[in-house]
Amino acid sequence: MDPLTPPQDHWLRMEDASAIGAARRIAIALAKAGGFDEERTGRVGVAVSEAASNLVKHATAGVMLIRSHPEAATTVEVVCVDEGPGMADVTAKIQDGHSTSGTLGIGLGAISRLADTWDVDSRPGRGTVLCMSFRVPGSVAAGTRECGLYRPVGEEVACGDAFAVRDEGGTVTAIVCDGLGHGIAAAAASTEAMRVFRSHAGTSPGEIVTRVHEALGGTRGGAVAVVHVDRAARTAAYAGVGNISGWIVRADRRQGMVSVPGIAGHRARGVREASYDLPDHGLVVLHSDGLTDRWSLQTYPGLLTHSASVIAGTLLRDWAVRRDDACVLVLRAEP
């Protein structure tokens, strides 16, 4: 599979009814661009409208991400995130006719039938993360074992954080870059890092980071980390410069992976690559310093059983620093 750069992400604040129509229009436009036929495009529109309506009516600080999937233009991916009130029994809410807040709870029921894949995690008092995807029948299914999410700070259009993934089934290689500062100049540094990553397929993490360091000399530079996961061998090779955080995560604890101090493109104290053993049913998580590193999956019982998209959405919702660009990448380690 070719390496992938983040698509154009559309983040919408679901604050009033006008946002429902905006979400539907963006989803339909992406579906048509991806080659969806009229019937399937309509299904995407209905499901997105249901999810958007639920956010507007019932959520607190609800936002929706709509994008072409990073691995396939023939797949539309939607991530809905809110901060409350959450649901105690998601299964009951999926049943058509179940009442919630005085309205028919048909939203999740419709979504579960219309989407090709979907997953939801909801916790009373903490909020809900709902992820769904739609694809052209017969097209290559997008991978579900990894998910990267990013968002710019404040009202910035360009995000200085970026990720890319190359999933070859038994192995997956990924990069996260945080361009220094934010805005267009930071995004230019991250874009150059993604270009170098694409140019060095099959190269070790240490070599890729070294090449990125050399290439970013003409930019403001940034922090960068690359990981190569061998799912069969249960190992991860990792190298980084600067303050990208890399973690090997299991249900009860996590282990940090080590980067060298510095700024890629300007100064780095000798790139070093290290190898780590991977646990069964574990994760590899990379994120920029737009997320604090104080998170722990122990505070989310059962979250590890959910899709990479739901896990990434939860971490971005609860641990992103509002005054900085943010990017988080979740890779499942199991074969």
Protein backbone atom coordinates (compact mmCIF):
# COMPACT_ATOMS: atom_id res chain seq x y z
CA MET A 1 0.00 0.00 0.00
CA ASP A 2 1.25 3.47 -0.81
CA PRO A 3 2.09 5.75 2.11
CA LEU A 4 -0.66 8.10 3.00
CA THR A 5 -0.75 11.69 4.06
CA PRO A 6 -3.61 13.19 6.03
CA PRO A 7 -6.53 14.23 3.85
CA GLN A 8 -8.31 17.55 3.99
CA ASP A 9 -10.08 17.26 7.31
CA HIS A 10 -13.36 19.10 7.81
CA TRP A 11 -13.96 19.83 11.51
CA LEU A 12 -17.40 21.29 12.24
CA ARG A 13 -18.71 22.65 15.52
CA MET A 14 -22.21 21.28 16.02
CA GLU A 15 -23.68 24.28 17.79
CA ASP A 16 -26.98 24.88 15.98
CA ALA A 17 -29.26 23.42 13.33
CA SER A 18 -27.39 25.10 10.46
CA ALA A 19 -24.43 22.80 11.15
CA ILE A 20 -26.54 19.76 10.26
CA GLY A 21 -26.99 20.91 6.67
CA ALA A 22 -23.32 21.89 6.39
CA ALA A 23 -22.21 18.43 7.56
CA ARG A 24 -24.55 16.72 5.13
CA ARG A 25 -23.33 18.82 2.19
CA ILE A 26 -19.66 18.10 2.91
CA ALA A 27 -20.30 14.36 3.31
CA ILE A 28 -22.26 14.17 0.06
CA ALA A 29 -19.56 16.10 -1.81
CA LEU A 30 -16.86 13.71 -0.56
CA ALA A 31 -19.00 10.68 -1.42
CA LYS A 32 -19.55 11.90 -4.97
CA ALA A 33 -15.84 12.70 -5.35
CA GLY A 34 -15.04 9.17 -4.15
CA GLY A 35 -17.22 7.54 -6.81
CA PHE A 36 -20.31 6.70 -4.74
CA ASP A 37 -23.48 6.08 -6.74
CA GLU A 38 -26.64 8.09 -6.05
CA GLU A 39 -28.21 5.52 -3.70
CA ARG A 40 -25.09 5.12 -1.58
CA THR A 41 -24.46 8.87 -1.54
CA GLY A 42 -27.97 9.26 -0.13
CA ARG A 43 -27.19 6.76 2.62
CA VAL A 44 -24.13 8.76 3.60
CA GLY A 45 -26.21 11.93 3.73
CA VAL A 46 -28.88 10.35 5.94
CA ALA A 47 -26.39 8.83 8.40
CA VAL A 48 -24.39 12.05 8.72
CA SER A 49 -27.59 14.06 9.20
CA GLU A 50 -28.68 11.68 12.00
CA ALA A 51 -25.33 11.94 13.74
CA ALA A 52 -25.19 15.71 13.34
CA SER A 53 -28.75 16.09 14.63
CA ASN A 54 -27.91 14.05 17.73
CA LEU A 55 -24.90 16.26 18.42
CA VAL A 56 -26.88 19.49 18.03
CA LYS A 57 -29.81 18.29 20.16
CA HIS A 58 -28.12 16.36 22.95
CA ALA A 59 -24.36 16.90 23.06
CA THR A 60 -22.09 19.24 24.95
CA ALA A 61 -19.27 20.81 22.89
CA GLY A 62 -20.05 18.49 19.99
CA VAL A 63 -17.78 18.44 16.93
CA MET A 64 -17.76 16.34 13.78
CA LEU A 65 -14.88 15.38 11.51
CA ILE A 66 -15.71 14.46 7.91
CA ARG A 67 -12.99 13.37 5.50
CA SER A 68 -11.99 10.98 2.78
CA HIS A 69 -10.30 8.11 4.60
CA PRO A 70 -6.50 8.53 4.69
CA GLU A 71 -6.08 5.11 3.09
CA ALA A 72 -8.71 5.26 0.37
CA ALA A 73 -10.49 8.06 -1.49
CA THR A 74 -13.36 5.61 -2.03
CA THR A 75 -14.14 5.68 1.70
CA VAL A 76 -15.75 8.52 3.63
CA GLU A 77 -14.93 8.59 7.33
CA VAL A 78 -16.87 10.46 10.02
CA VAL A 79 -15.84 10.97 13.64
CA CYS A 80 -18.28 12.56 16.12
CA VAL A 81 -16.97 13.72 19.48
CA ASP A 82 -18.74 15.35 22.41
CA GLU A 83 -18.13 16.01 26.09
CA GLY A 84 -21.43 14.83 27.54
CA PRO A 85 -23.87 13.77 28.81
CA GLY A 86 -23.01 10.30 27.52
CA MET A 87 -25.10 7.13 27.51
CA ALA A 88 -25.21 4.36 30.10
CA ASP A 89 -26.61 1.72 27.71
CA VAL A 90 -25.54 2.17 24.10
CA THR A 91 -27.16 -1.11 23.04
CA ALA A 92 -30.60 0.12 24.09
CA LYS A 93 -30.15 3.37 22.17
CA ILE A 94 -29.56 1.41 18.94
CA GLN A 95 -33.06 -0.07 19.12
CA ASP A 96 -35.48 1.96 17.03
CA GLY A 97 -38.14 3.67 19.11
CA HIS A 98 -36.07 3.90 22.28
CA SER A 99 -36.81 7.28 23.81
CA THR A 100 -34.04 9.65 24.87
CA SER A 101 -34.59 13.21 26.09
CA GLY A 102 -38.20 13.01 24.91
CA THR A 103 -37.36 12.23 21.28
CA LEU A 104 -37.25 9.01 19.29
CA GLY A 105 -33.81 7.45 19.60
CA ILE A 106 -33.59 6.46 15.95
CA GLY A 107 -30.22 8.06 15.23
CA LEU A 108 -27.91 5.23 16.29
CA GLY A 109 -30.24 2.61 14.87
CA ALA A 110 -30.15 4.25 11.45
CA ILE A 111 -26.40 4.71 11.59
CA SER A 112 -25.80 1.07 12.49
CA ARG A 113 -27.72 -0.02 9.39
CA LEU A 114 -26.40 2.57 6.94
CA ALA A 115 -22.67 2.59 7.72
CA ASP A 116 -20.25 -0.04 6.42
CA THR A 117 -18.30 0.12 9.68
CA TRP A 118 -19.12 1.90 12.90
CA ASP A 119 -18.07 1.95 16.53
CA VAL A 120 -19.13 3.98 19.55
CA ASP A 121 -17.90 4.49 23.09
CA SER A 122 -20.06 6.46 25.50
CA ARG A 123 -19.56 7.18 29.19
CA PRO A 124 -22.08 9.02 31.37
CA GLY A 125 -20.73 12.41 32.34
CA ARG A 126 -17.73 12.13 30.00
CA GLY A 127 -19.26 12.08 26.54
CA THR A 128 -19.44 9.99 23.40
CA VAL A 129 -17.14 9.18 20.48
CA LEU A 130 -18.89 7.76 17.41
CA CYS A 131 -16.95 6.69 14.31
CA MET A 132 -18.46 5.47 11.04
CA SER A 133 -17.27 4.87 7.51
CA PHE A 134 -18.85 4.30 4.09
CA ARG A 135 -17.17 2.91 0.99
CA VAL A 136 -17.84 2.21 -2.65
CA PRO A 137 -18.93 -1.46 -3.00
CA GLY A 138 -16.12 -3.58 -4.38
CA SER A 139 -13.41 -1.06 -3.54
CA VAL A 140 -10.49 -1.95 -1.31
CA ALA A 141 -11.53 -1.69 2.32
CA ALA A 142 -9.64 0.96 4.24
CA GLY A 143 -7.61 -0.28 7.17
CA THR A 144 -9.23 -0.19 10.58
CA ARG A 145 -6.16 -1.00 12.67
CA GLU A 146 -4.78 2.53 12.60
CA CYS A 147 -6.20 6.02 12.83
CA GLY A 148 -4.60 9.44 12.85
CA LEU A 149 -6.47 12.60 13.82
CA TYR A 150 -5.24 16.18 13.84
CA ARG A 151 -6.73 19.62 14.31
CA PRO A 152 -5.29 23.15 14.09
CA VAL A 153 -5.20 25.54 17.00
CA GLY A 154 -8.01 28.06 17.31
CA GLU A 155 -9.26 29.42 14.01
CA GLU A 156 -6.13 28.50 12.02
CA VAL A 157 -6.88 26.88 8.67
CA ALA A 158 -3.50 25.14 8.29
CA CYS A 159 -2.36 22.59 10.87
CA GLY A 160 1.33 22.39 11.72
CA ASP A 161 0.98 18.77 12.84
CA ALA A 162 0.79 15.93 10.33
CA PHE A 163 0.98 12.15 10.09
CA ALA A 164 1.39 9.49 7.43
CA VAL A 165 1.01 5.72 7.49
CA ARG A 166 2.24 2.90 5.31
CA ASP A 167 0.38 -0.33 6.19
CA GLU A 168 1.62 -3.43 4.42
CA GLY A 169 -0.44 -5.94 6.39
CA GLY A 170 2.20 -7.66 8.49
CA THR A 171 4.08 -4.42 9.09
CA VAL A 172 3.14 -0.78 9.42
CA THR A 173 5.39 2.27 9.33
CA ALA A 174 4.18 5.66 10.49
CA ILE A 175 5.43 9.20 11.04
CA VAL A 176 4.18 12.13 13.11
CA CYS A 177 5.65 15.60 12.66
CA ASP A 178 4.95 18.79 14.62
CA GLY A 179 6.14 21.83 12.66
CA LEU A 180 7.59 24.47 14.96
CA GLY A 181 4.88 26.92 15.99
CA HIS A 182 1.64 26.82 14.04
CA GLY A 183 0.02 28.11 10.87
CA ILE A 184 1.25 27.97 7.29
CA ALA A 185 4.99 27.94 8.04
CA ALA A 186 4.61 25.08 10.52
CA ALA A 187 2.46 23.17 8.02
CA ALA A 188 5.16 23.63 5.36
CA ALA A 189 7.70 21.89 7.61
CA SER A 190 5.35 18.99 8.30
CA THR A 191 4.46 18.69 4.61
CA GLU A 192 8.15 18.37 3.75
CA ALA A 193 8.53 15.66 6.41
CA MET A 194 5.65 13.73 4.85
CA ARG A 195 7.29 14.03 1.42
CA VAL A 196 10.53 12.54 2.74
CA PHE A 197 8.59 9.72 4.39
CA ARG A 198 6.91 8.89 1.08
CA SER A 199 10.26 8.94 -0.68
CA HIS A 200 11.91 6.37 1.56
CA ALA A 201 9.64 3.33 1.53
CA GLY A 202 11.30 0.33 3.16
CA THR A 203 13.82 2.48 5.04
CA SER A 204 14.39 2.11 8.78
CA PRO A 205 12.91 4.65 11.24
CA GLY A 206 16.37 5.97 12.11
CA GLU A 207 17.23 6.55 8.46
CA ILE A 208 13.89 8.27 7.74
CA VAL A 209 14.30 10.61 10.72
CA THR A 210 17.85 11.41 9.59
CA ARG A 211 16.59 12.24 6.09
CA VAL A 212 13.80 14.40 7.51
CA HIS A 213 16.33 16.24 9.67
CA GLU A 214 18.44 16.98 6.59
CA ALA A 215 15.43 18.07 4.50
CA LEU A 216 13.92 20.45 7.05
CA GLY A 217 16.94 22.76 7.09
CA GLY A 218 15.16 25.15 4.74
CA THR A 219 12.06 25.30 6.96
CA ARG A 220 11.45 26.41 10.53
CA GLY A 221 11.93 22.74 11.53
CA GLY A 222 9.96 20.66 14.00
CA ALA A 223 9.69 17.54 16.09
CA VAL A 224 9.44 14.20 14.28
CA ALA A 225 9.13 10.52 15.16
CA VAL A 226 8.90 7.38 13.06
CA VAL A 227 7.86 3.89 14.17
CA HIS A 228 7.97 0.57 12.34
CA VAL A 229 5.71 -2.12 13.79
CA ASP A 230 6.28 -5.78 12.91
CA ARG A 231 3.03 -7.39 13.93
CA ALA A 232 4.23 -10.97 13.49
CA ALA A 233 7.51 -10.50 15.36
CA ARG A 234 5.76 -8.41 18.02
CA THR A 235 8.39 -5.65 17.87
CA ALA A 236 8.49 -1.91 17.25
CA ALA A 237 11.50 0.04 16.00
CA TYR A 238 11.38 3.74 16.88
CA ALA A 239 13.41 6.89 16.32
CA GLY A 240 12.62 10.53 16.96
CA VAL A 241 13.93 14.06 17.37
CA GLY A 242 12.16 16.48 19.67
CA ASN A 243 9.03 16.20 21.74
CA ILE A 244 6.79 13.81 19.80
CA SER A 245 5.59 11.31 22.41
CA GLY A 246 5.72 7.63 21.49
CA TRP A 247 4.06 4.99 23.67
CA ILE A 248 3.55 1.25 23.79
CA VAL A 249 0.21 0.84 25.52
CA ARG A 250 -1.56 -2.02 27.26
CA ALA A 251 -4.66 -1.98 29.43
CA ASP A 252 -2.83 -1.57 32.73
CA ARG A 253 0.23 0.49 31.83
CA ARG A 254 2.27 2.12 29.08
CA GLN A 255 5.93 2.36 28.14
CA GLY A 256 7.54 5.43 26.64
CA MET A 257 9.74 5.22 23.54
CA VAL A 258 12.78 7.49 23.50
CA SER A 259 13.51 10.40 21.17
CA VAL A 260 16.66 12.51 21.20
CA PRO A 261 16.45 16.21 22.14
CA GLY A 262 16.51 18.80 19.39
CA ILE A 263 14.64 20.32 16.46
CA ALA A 264 14.64 18.39 13.21
CA GLY A 265 16.18 20.58 10.52
CA HIS A 266 18.32 22.59 12.93
CA ARG A 267 19.88 20.60 15.75
CA ALA A 268 19.74 17.01 16.89
CA ARG A 269 22.09 15.06 19.15
CA GLY A 270 22.59 12.07 16.88
CA VAL A 271 19.52 10.11 15.80
CA ARG A 272 19.21 6.78 17.59
CA GLU A 273 16.87 3.90 16.80
CA ALA A 274 15.62 1.58 19.53
CA SER A 275 13.63 -1.66 19.45
CA TYR A 276 10.78 -2.52 21.80
CA ASP A 277 8.73 -5.65 22.44
CA LEU A 278 4.99 -5.35 21.84
CA PRO A 279 2.32 -6.81 24.16
CA ASP A 280 -0.58 -8.91 22.96
CA HIS A 281 -3.65 -6.78 22.20
CA GLY A 282 -1.65 -3.61 22.71
CA LEU A 283 -1.35 -0.28 20.93
CA VAL A 284 1.35 2.01 19.67
CA VAL A 285 0.41 5.67 20.17
CA LEU A 286 2.28 8.68 18.79
CA HIS A 287 1.21 12.25 19.50
CA SER A 288 2.49 15.79 19.33
CA ASP A 289 2.81 18.01 22.37
CA GLY A 290 -0.61 19.36 21.44
CA LEU A 291 -1.74 16.50 23.68
CA THR A 292 -0.57 16.33 27.26
CA ASP A 293 1.21 13.11 28.19
CA ARG A 294 -0.75 12.63 31.41
CA TRP A 295 -3.40 10.37 29.84
CA SER A 296 -3.88 6.73 30.82
CA LEU A 297 -6.20 4.09 29.38
CA GLN A 298 -6.73 2.84 32.94
CA THR A 299 -9.19 5.72 33.33
CA TYR A 300 -11.23 4.33 30.41
CA PRO A 301 -12.18 0.73 31.28
CA GLY A 302 -12.82 -1.27 28.11
CA LEU A 303 -11.59 1.42 25.70
CA LEU A 304 -8.76 -0.82 24.50
CA THR A 305 -11.35 -3.15 22.91
CA HIS A 306 -12.62 -0.37 20.63
CA SER A 307 -11.45 0.66 17.18
CA ALA A 308 -8.35 2.77 16.66
CA SER A 309 -10.65 5.61 15.53
CA VAL A 310 -12.62 5.68 18.77
CA ILE A 311 -9.44 5.51 20.86
CA ALA A 312 -7.84 8.35 18.88
CA GLY A 313 -11.02 10.44 19.15
CA THR A 314 -11.17 9.93 22.90
CA LEU A 315 -7.54 10.96 23.43
CA LEU A 316 -7.92 14.04 21.22
CA ARG A 317 -11.13 15.09 23.01
CA ASP A 318 -9.87 14.71 26.56
CA TRP A 319 -6.16 15.47 26.37
CA ALA A 320 -5.64 18.02 23.58
CA VAL A 321 -4.17 21.37 24.62
CA ARG A 322 -6.45 24.06 23.24
CA ARG A 323 -3.64 26.56 22.63
CA ASP A 324 -1.69 24.37 20.19
CA ASP A 325 -2.10 22.24 17.09
CA ALA A 326 -2.72 18.62 18.03
CA CYS A 327 -2.16 15.24 16.36
CA VAL A 328 -2.59 11.71 17.66
CA LEU A 329 -1.95 8.44 15.81
CA VAL A 330 -3.13 5.06 17.14
CA LEU A 331 -1.78 1.79 15.70
CA ARG A 332 -3.08 -1.62 16.71
CA ALA A 333 -0.20 -4.02 17.32
CA GLU A 334 -1.93 -7.38 16.88
CA PRO A 335 -1.49 -9.38 13.63
